[in-house]
Amino acid sequence: MLTVHAAPLVLPVGAAAVERGAVAVDGDRITALGSYEAVAAAHPAARVRQWPGAIAPGLRQRHAEWLLTRCYHPDPREADELGADPLSGEAFARLARELDATRWAGSVRRGLQQMLRYGTTHLTGPFRDPAVRTAVSRSGLVEVLGGVSPVGVPGGVSENVPQSVSGSVSMGGAADLDPLAGGRDLPGSVHAPLVTGARADFAVFDVPDEAALVAAGAGSCVVTVLGGRLVYRRR
């Protein structure tokens, strides 16, 4: 179905911001981008979704392999014991020795789901573990090459840990799912700009402008769209 996504601001990246802008999506492609008035007039039969804040390209998580294989993403039922945030470093190393394959698979799935909450549409790989590759493929998130990971140190872990973790466990650095963390700007955090004809991978952030997005971080995401599909919406 042809859908027009409209917001007070569209940040294409690589082109001027559009106030009261819109992005038209047909299938998995962007078919138009510009002012809401122009896009809506060109697509009178389209379904219209009005969003707060700013529409921007989907973000690229450059530490995806580390976040999925060297961090544990707790099940909500484990919150009383483990908390809600990803476990990394020494906490991860202790827990990893106790996990079976089922809990590992659940952690990877939850990690991918959490990434969608931060407007992430692309993950930097490669993912060496077959189970992780499968989970990424099923999630709809797009793998791109060129991985960067925090440094790990040798350590023994459970044989059920994904292959990419075997022999090394990260002992430093907090797990942060926000691709904008560390002061990275928007152009340096997206996979590609929003342009007509491109795949419809984008996110909506509840912020008034680009500076506010960088300051607030990707936790301000309210909607993530992957290949034209709405895959996350903040409740």
C-alpha atoms as a PDB file:
ATOM      1  CA  MET A   1       0.000   0.000   0.000  1.00  0.00           C
ATOM      2  CA  LEU A   2       1.238   3.466  -0.881  1.00  0.00           C
ATOM      3  CA  THR A   3       1.898   5.357   2.333  1.00  0.00           C
ATOM      4  CA  VAL A   4       2.887   8.949   3.006  1.00  0.00           C
ATOM      5  CA  HIS A   5       4.875   9.452   6.204  1.00  0.00           C
ATOM      6  CA  ALA A   6       4.695  13.094   7.291  1.00  0.00           C
ATOM      7  CA  ALA A   7       6.431  15.003  10.082  1.00  0.00           C
ATOM      8  CA  PRO A   8       7.233  18.583  11.078  1.00  0.00           C
ATOM      9  CA  LEU A   9      10.749  18.014   9.729  1.00  0.00           C
ATOM     10  CA  VAL A  10      12.433  15.638   7.280  1.00  0.00           C
ATOM     11  CA  LEU A  11      16.228  15.311   7.525  1.00  0.00           C
ATOM     12  CA  PRO A  12      17.329  13.601   4.282  1.00  0.00           C
ATOM     13  CA  VAL A  13      21.087  13.970   5.077  1.00  0.00           C
ATOM     14  CA  GLY A  14      23.083  15.226   2.126  1.00  0.00           C
ATOM     15  CA  ALA A  15      20.310  17.660   1.205  1.00  0.00           C
ATOM     16  CA  ALA A  16      18.500  20.516   2.897  1.00  0.00           C
ATOM     17  CA  ALA A  17      16.038  19.734   5.679  1.00  0.00           C
ATOM     18  CA  VAL A  18      12.376  19.959   4.700  1.00  0.00           C
ATOM     19  CA  GLU A  19       9.979  21.633   7.113  1.00  0.00           C
ATOM     20  CA  ARG A  20       6.501  20.095   7.167  1.00  0.00           C
ATOM     21  CA  GLY A  21       7.959  17.351   5.044  1.00  0.00           C
ATOM     22  CA  ALA A  22       6.893  13.913   3.909  1.00  0.00           C
ATOM     23  CA  VAL A  23       8.232  10.671   2.480  1.00  0.00           C
ATOM     24  CA  ALA A  24       6.067   8.571   0.161  1.00  0.00           C
ATOM     25  CA  VAL A  25       6.661   4.814   0.263  1.00  0.00           C
ATOM     26  CA  ASP A  26       5.397   2.205  -2.173  1.00  0.00           C
ATOM     27  CA  GLY A  27       6.398  -1.331  -1.274  1.00  0.00           C
ATOM     28  CA  ASP A  28       9.997  -1.181  -0.081  1.00  0.00           C
ATOM     29  CA  ARG A  29      10.945   1.981  -2.013  1.00  0.00           C
ATOM     30  CA  ILE A  30      10.808   5.716  -1.455  1.00  0.00           C
ATOM     31  CA  THR A  31       8.809   7.164  -4.348  1.00  0.00           C
ATOM     32  CA  ALA A  32       8.788  10.827  -3.347  1.00  0.00           C
ATOM     33  CA  LEU A  33      10.303  13.156  -0.767  1.00  0.00           C
ATOM     34  CA  GLY A  34       9.523  16.826  -0.215  1.00  0.00           C
ATOM     35  CA  SER A  35       6.989  19.125   1.361  1.00  0.00           C
ATOM     36  CA  TYR A  36       3.868  17.440   2.717  1.00  0.00           C
ATOM     37  CA  GLU A  37       1.647  19.543   0.494  1.00  0.00           C
ATOM     38  CA  ALA A  38       3.489  18.500  -2.667  1.00  0.00           C
ATOM     39  CA  VAL A  39       3.834  14.817  -1.752  1.00  0.00           C
ATOM     40  CA  ALA A  40       0.212  14.494  -0.607  1.00  0.00           C
ATOM     41  CA  ALA A  41      -1.067  16.259  -3.712  1.00  0.00           C
ATOM     42  CA  ALA A  42       0.895  13.877  -5.933  1.00  0.00           C
ATOM     43  CA  HIS A  43      -0.464  10.844  -4.066  1.00  0.00           C
ATOM     44  CA  PRO A  44      -4.086  11.649  -3.172  1.00  0.00           C
ATOM     45  CA  ALA A  45      -5.081   8.020  -2.606  1.00  0.00           C
ATOM     46  CA  ALA A  46      -2.190   7.212  -0.253  1.00  0.00           C
ATOM     47  CA  ARG A  47      -2.595   6.342   3.382  1.00  0.00           C
ATOM     48  CA  VAL A  48      -1.112   9.135   5.499  1.00  0.00           C
ATOM     49  CA  ARG A  49       0.763   8.626   8.761  1.00  0.00           C
ATOM     50  CA  GLN A  50       1.454  11.781  10.738  1.00  0.00           C
ATOM     51  CA  TRP A  51       4.419  11.547  13.093  1.00  0.00           C
ATOM     52  CA  PRO A  52       5.890  13.937  15.660  1.00  0.00           C
ATOM     53  CA  GLY A  53       9.421  15.293  15.403  1.00  0.00           C
ATOM     54  CA  ALA A  54      11.759  14.461  12.540  1.00  0.00           C
ATOM     55  CA  ILE A  55      12.044  11.743   9.905  1.00  0.00           C
ATOM     56  CA  ALA A  56      15.667  10.749   9.263  1.00  0.00           C
ATOM     57  CA  PRO A  57      17.506   7.917   7.529  1.00  0.00           C
ATOM     58  CA  GLY A  58      17.838   4.688   9.464  1.00  0.00           C
ATOM     59  CA  LEU A  59      20.927   4.471  11.645  1.00  0.00           C
ATOM     60  CA  ARG A  60      23.842   2.071  11.322  1.00  0.00           C
ATOM     61  CA  GLN A  61      24.973   0.174  14.417  1.00  0.00           C
ATOM     62  CA  ARG A  62      28.730  -0.177  13.981  1.00  0.00           C
ATOM     63  CA  HIS A  63      29.237  -2.372  17.052  1.00  0.00           C
ATOM     64  CA  ALA A  64      26.512  -4.873  16.230  1.00  0.00           C
ATOM     65  CA  GLU A  65      28.608  -8.034  16.425  1.00  0.00           C
ATOM     66  CA  TRP A  66      30.008  -7.015  19.799  1.00  0.00           C
ATOM     67  CA  LEU A  67      26.558  -6.123  21.116  1.00  0.00           C
ATOM     68  CA  LEU A  68      25.117  -9.439  19.971  1.00  0.00           C
ATOM     69  CA  THR A  69      27.951 -11.803  20.890  1.00  0.00           C
ATOM     70  CA  ARG A  70      29.771 -10.148  23.771  1.00  0.00           C
ATOM     71  CA  CYS A  71      26.751  -8.793  25.633  1.00  0.00           C
ATOM     72  CA  TYR A  72      23.768 -10.484  27.225  1.00  0.00           C
ATOM     73  CA  HIS A  73      20.344  -8.913  26.776  1.00  0.00           C
ATOM     74  CA  PRO A  74      18.225 -10.003  29.743  1.00  0.00           C
ATOM     75  CA  ASP A  75      14.750 -11.428  29.408  1.00  0.00           C
ATOM     76  CA  PRO A  76      12.193  -9.170  31.174  1.00  0.00           C
ATOM     77  CA  ARG A  77      11.576 -12.100  33.523  1.00  0.00           C
ATOM     78  CA  GLU A  78      15.226 -11.850  34.602  1.00  0.00           C
ATOM     79  CA  ALA A  79      15.012  -8.152  35.428  1.00  0.00           C
ATOM     80  CA  ASP A  80      14.910  -8.615  39.190  1.00  0.00           C
ATOM     81  CA  GLU A  81      18.132 -10.619  39.068  1.00  0.00           C
ATOM     82  CA  LEU A  82      20.006  -9.092  36.127  1.00  0.00           C
ATOM     83  CA  GLY A  83      18.394  -5.706  35.516  1.00  0.00           C
ATOM     84  CA  ALA A  84      17.068  -4.460  32.194  1.00  0.00           C
ATOM     85  CA  ASP A  85      20.265  -3.185  30.544  1.00  0.00           C
ATOM     86  CA  PRO A  86      22.655  -5.298  28.451  1.00  0.00           C
ATOM     87  CA  LEU A  87      25.394  -6.989  30.461  1.00  0.00           C
ATOM     88  CA  SER A  88      28.963  -6.671  29.237  1.00  0.00           C
ATOM     89  CA  GLY A  89      32.492  -6.895  30.634  1.00  0.00           C
ATOM     90  CA  GLU A  90      32.976  -8.964  33.776  1.00  0.00           C
ATOM     91  CA  ALA A  91      29.234  -9.380  34.347  1.00  0.00           C
ATOM     92  CA  PHE A  92      28.914 -10.868  30.883  1.00  0.00           C
ATOM     93  CA  ALA A  93      31.948 -13.117  31.382  1.00  0.00           C
ATOM     94  CA  ARG A  94      30.499 -14.586  34.576  1.00  0.00           C
ATOM     95  CA  LEU A  95      27.078 -15.179  33.063  1.00  0.00           C
ATOM     96  CA  ALA A  96      28.333 -16.543  29.729  1.00  0.00           C
ATOM     97  CA  ARG A  97      29.727 -19.675  31.379  1.00  0.00           C
ATOM     98  CA  GLU A  98      26.237 -20.570  32.623  1.00  0.00           C
ATOM     99  CA  LEU A  99      24.162 -20.016  29.500  1.00  0.00           C
ATOM    100  CA  ASP A 100      22.770 -22.724  27.281  1.00  0.00           C
ATOM    101  CA  ALA A 101      22.038 -22.344  23.570  1.00  0.00           C
ATOM    102  CA  THR A 102      18.385 -21.462  24.159  1.00  0.00           C
ATOM    103  CA  ARG A 103      19.201 -18.525  26.428  1.00  0.00           C
ATOM    104  CA  TRP A 104      21.877 -17.353  23.987  1.00  0.00           C
ATOM    105  CA  ALA A 105      19.423 -17.379  21.110  1.00  0.00           C
ATOM    106  CA  GLY A 106      16.931 -15.417  23.192  1.00  0.00           C
ATOM    107  CA  SER A 107      19.566 -12.838  24.051  1.00  0.00           C
ATOM    108  CA  VAL A 108      20.428 -12.307  20.375  1.00  0.00           C
ATOM    109  CA  ARG A 109      16.760 -11.899  19.413  1.00  0.00           C
ATOM    110  CA  ARG A 110      16.172  -9.412  22.217  1.00  0.00           C
ATOM    111  CA  GLY A 111      19.290  -7.484  21.262  1.00  0.00           C
ATOM    112  CA  LEU A 112      18.037  -7.124  17.704  1.00  0.00           C
ATOM    113  CA  GLN A 113      14.614  -6.027  18.920  1.00  0.00           C
ATOM    114  CA  GLN A 114      16.218  -3.410  21.148  1.00  0.00           C
ATOM    115  CA  MET A 115      18.247  -2.037  18.243  1.00  0.00           C
ATOM    116  CA  LEU A 116      15.016  -1.292  16.376  1.00  0.00           C
ATOM    117  CA  ARG A 117      13.993   0.918  19.302  1.00  0.00           C
ATOM    118  CA  TYR A 118      16.973   3.146  18.488  1.00  0.00           C
ATOM    119  CA  GLY A 119      16.121   3.707  14.828  1.00  0.00           C
ATOM    120  CA  THR A 120      18.683   1.155  13.674  1.00  0.00           C
ATOM    121  CA  THR A 121      18.146  -0.314  10.210  1.00  0.00           C
ATOM    122  CA  HIS A 122      21.666  -1.481   9.295  1.00  0.00           C
ATOM    123  CA  LEU A 123      24.189  -3.551  11.220  1.00  0.00           C
ATOM    124  CA  THR A 124      27.911  -3.636  10.581  1.00  0.00           C
ATOM    125  CA  GLY A 125      29.159  -7.183  10.141  1.00  0.00           C
ATOM    126  CA  PRO A 126      30.333  -9.667   9.235  1.00  0.00           C
ATOM    127  CA  PHE A 127      28.560 -12.023  11.634  1.00  0.00           C
ATOM    128  CA  ARG A 128      30.674 -15.134  11.871  1.00  0.00           C
ATOM    129  CA  ASP A 129      28.349 -17.243  13.980  1.00  0.00           C
ATOM    130  CA  PRO A 130      25.691 -19.026  11.871  1.00  0.00           C
ATOM    131  CA  ALA A 131      22.999 -18.649  14.549  1.00  0.00           C
ATOM    132  CA  VAL A 132      23.606 -14.912  14.776  1.00  0.00           C
ATOM    133  CA  ARG A 133      23.574 -14.575  10.985  1.00  0.00           C
ATOM    134  CA  THR A 134      20.236 -16.378  10.874  1.00  0.00           C
ATOM    135  CA  ALA A 135      18.741 -14.197  13.601  1.00  0.00           C
ATOM    136  CA  VAL A 136      19.903 -11.036  11.837  1.00  0.00           C
ATOM    137  CA  SER A 137      18.433 -12.220   8.545  1.00  0.00           C
ATOM    138  CA  ARG A 138      15.085 -13.035  10.142  1.00  0.00           C
ATOM    139  CA  SER A 139      14.938  -9.679  11.922  1.00  0.00           C
ATOM    140  CA  GLY A 140      14.863  -7.737   8.650  1.00  0.00           C
ATOM    141  CA  LEU A 141      17.836  -5.629   9.702  1.00  0.00           C
ATOM    142  CA  VAL A 142      20.378  -5.219   6.905  1.00  0.00           C
ATOM    143  CA  GLU A 143      23.938  -6.481   7.327  1.00  0.00           C
ATOM    144  CA  VAL A 144      26.722  -4.362   5.833  1.00  0.00           C
ATOM    145  CA  LEU A 145      30.437  -5.066   5.997  1.00  0.00           C
ATOM    146  CA  GLY A 146      33.118  -3.158   7.862  1.00  0.00           C
ATOM    147  CA  GLY A 147      32.951  -4.170  11.519  1.00  0.00           C
ATOM    148  CA  VAL A 148      34.427  -2.257  14.434  1.00  0.00           C
ATOM    149  CA  SER A 149      34.391  -3.881  17.864  1.00  0.00           C
ATOM    150  CA  PRO A 150      35.713  -3.027  21.309  1.00  0.00           C
ATOM    151  CA  VAL A 151      38.827  -4.966  22.227  1.00  0.00           C
ATOM    152  CA  GLY A 152      38.294  -8.274  24.004  1.00  0.00           C
ATOM    153  CA  VAL A 153      40.655 -10.295  26.167  1.00  0.00           C
ATOM    154  CA  PRO A 154      41.073 -14.067  26.358  1.00  0.00           C
ATOM    155  CA  GLY A 155      38.843 -15.961  28.708  1.00  0.00           C
ATOM    156  CA  GLY A 156      36.991 -19.244  29.018  1.00  0.00           C
ATOM    157  CA  VAL A 157      33.285 -19.267  28.212  1.00  0.00           C
ATOM    158  CA  SER A 158      30.543 -21.806  27.824  1.00  0.00           C
ATOM    159  CA  GLU A 159      30.646 -23.959  24.701  1.00  0.00           C
ATOM    160  CA  ASN A 160      27.130 -22.657  23.980  1.00  0.00           C
ATOM    161  CA  VAL A 161      28.391 -19.109  23.451  1.00  0.00           C
ATOM    162  CA  PRO A 162      28.294 -18.098  19.761  1.00  0.00           C
ATOM    163  CA  GLN A 163      31.443 -19.076  17.854  1.00  0.00           C
ATOM    164  CA  SER A 164      32.499 -15.442  17.477  1.00  0.00           C
ATOM    165  CA  VAL A 165      32.760 -15.163  21.260  1.00  0.00           C
ATOM    166  CA  SER A 166      34.700 -18.351  21.886  1.00  0.00           C
ATOM    167  CA  GLY A 167      38.136 -17.496  23.188  1.00  0.00           C
ATOM    168  CA  SER A 168      37.460 -13.831  23.907  1.00  0.00           C
ATOM    169  CA  VAL A 169      35.225 -11.944  26.272  1.00  0.00           C
ATOM    170  CA  SER A 170      35.049  -8.169  26.382  1.00  0.00           C
ATOM    171  CA  MET A 171      36.165  -6.933  29.797  1.00  0.00           C
ATOM    172  CA  GLY A 172      35.740  -3.212  29.322  1.00  0.00           C
ATOM    173  CA  GLY A 173      33.234  -0.649  28.141  1.00  0.00           C
ATOM    174  CA  ALA A 174      29.532  -0.369  28.722  1.00  0.00           C
ATOM    175  CA  ALA A 175      27.086  -1.726  26.170  1.00  0.00           C
ATOM    176  CA  ASP A 176      25.328   1.143  24.414  1.00  0.00           C
ATOM    177  CA  LEU A 177      22.677   0.437  21.807  1.00  0.00           C
ATOM    178  CA  ASP A 178      22.550   4.074  20.651  1.00  0.00           C
ATOM    179  CA  PRO A 179      24.350   4.550  17.289  1.00  0.00           C
ATOM    180  CA  LEU A 180      24.661   8.268  18.133  1.00  0.00           C
ATOM    181  CA  ALA A 181      26.479   7.583  21.409  1.00  0.00           C
ATOM    182  CA  GLY A 182      29.881   9.127  21.878  1.00  0.00           C
ATOM    183  CA  GLY A 183      29.087  12.358  20.089  1.00  0.00           C
ATOM    184  CA  ARG A 184      28.730  10.897  16.584  1.00  0.00           C
ATOM    185  CA  ASP A 185      26.838  13.245  14.252  1.00  0.00           C
ATOM    186  CA  LEU A 186      23.853  12.262  12.120  1.00  0.00           C
ATOM    187  CA  PRO A 187      25.652  12.069   8.737  1.00  0.00           C
ATOM    188  CA  GLY A 188      28.258   9.800  10.320  1.00  0.00           C
ATOM    189  CA  SER A 189      25.613   7.542  11.856  1.00  0.00           C
ATOM    190  CA  VAL A 190      23.260   6.812   8.970  1.00  0.00           C
ATOM    191  CA  HIS A 191      23.785   4.113   6.371  1.00  0.00           C
ATOM    192  CA  ALA A 192      22.595   6.202   3.430  1.00  0.00           C
ATOM    193  CA  PRO A 193      20.625   9.392   2.791  1.00  0.00           C
ATOM    194  CA  LEU A 194      16.916   9.483   2.051  1.00  0.00           C
ATOM    195  CA  VAL A 195      16.467   9.826  -1.708  1.00  0.00           C
ATOM    196  CA  THR A 196      13.765   8.915  -4.180  1.00  0.00           C
ATOM    197  CA  GLY A 197      14.231   5.370  -5.441  1.00  0.00           C
ATOM    198  CA  ALA A 198      16.176   4.196  -2.404  1.00  0.00           C
ATOM    199  CA  ARG A 199      15.033   1.457  -0.066  1.00  0.00           C
ATOM    200  CA  ALA A 200      12.602   2.796   2.515  1.00  0.00           C
ATOM    201  CA  ASP A 201      14.730   2.431   5.652  1.00  0.00           C
ATOM    202  CA  PHE A 202      14.167   5.320   8.041  1.00  0.00           C
ATOM    203  CA  ALA A 203      13.198   6.311  11.544  1.00  0.00           C
ATOM    204  CA  VAL A 204      11.216   9.023  13.290  1.00  0.00           C
ATOM    205  CA  PHE A 205      12.676  10.818  16.307  1.00  0.00           C
ATOM    206  CA  ASP A 206      10.644  12.945  18.713  1.00  0.00           C
ATOM    207  CA  VAL A 207      12.946  15.966  18.479  1.00  0.00           C
ATOM    208  CA  PRO A 208      12.554  19.395  16.843  1.00  0.00           C
ATOM    209  CA  ASP A 209      15.759  19.425  14.761  1.00  0.00           C
ATOM    210  CA  GLU A 210      19.056  17.710  13.964  1.00  0.00           C
ATOM    211  CA  ALA A 211      20.979  19.335  16.825  1.00  0.00           C
ATOM    212  CA  ALA A 212      18.351  18.149  19.289  1.00  0.00           C
ATOM    213  CA  LEU A 213      18.536  14.626  17.869  1.00  0.00           C
ATOM    214  CA  VAL A 214      22.296  14.456  18.331  1.00  0.00           C
ATOM    215  CA  ALA A 215      21.958  15.853  21.857  1.00  0.00           C
ATOM    216  CA  ALA A 216      19.087  13.582  22.889  1.00  0.00           C
ATOM    217  CA  GLY A 217      20.416  10.468  21.187  1.00  0.00           C
ATOM    218  CA  ALA A 218      18.613   7.752  19.289  1.00  0.00           C
ATOM    219  CA  GLY A 219      16.612   6.820  22.368  1.00  0.00           C
ATOM    220  CA  SER A 220      14.246   9.544  21.128  1.00  0.00           C
ATOM    221  CA  CYS A 221      13.132   7.169  18.340  1.00  0.00           C
ATOM    222  CA  VAL A 222       9.369   6.650  18.139  1.00  0.00           C
ATOM    223  CA  VAL A 223       9.130   4.760  14.833  1.00  0.00           C
ATOM    224  CA  THR A 224      11.413   2.537  12.741  1.00  0.00           C
ATOM    225  CA  VAL A 225      10.615   1.560   9.159  1.00  0.00           C
ATOM    226  CA  LEU A 226      12.510  -1.265   7.419  1.00  0.00           C
ATOM    227  CA  GLY A 227      11.996  -1.850   3.719  1.00  0.00           C
ATOM    228  CA  GLY A 228       8.751   0.083   3.909  1.00  0.00           C
ATOM    229  CA  ARG A 229       7.443  -1.940   6.877  1.00  0.00           C
ATOM    230  CA  LEU A 230       6.725  -0.339  10.221  1.00  0.00           C
ATOM    231  CA  VAL A 231       8.702  -2.633  12.534  1.00  0.00           C
ATOM    232  CA  TYR A 232       8.796  -0.544  15.697  1.00  0.00           C
ATOM    233  CA  ARG A 233       6.453   2.036  17.187  1.00  0.00           C
ATOM    234  CA  ARG A 234       6.814   3.403  20.685  1.00  0.00           C
ATOM    235  CA  ARG A 235       3.676   2.781  22.701  1.00  0.00           C
END
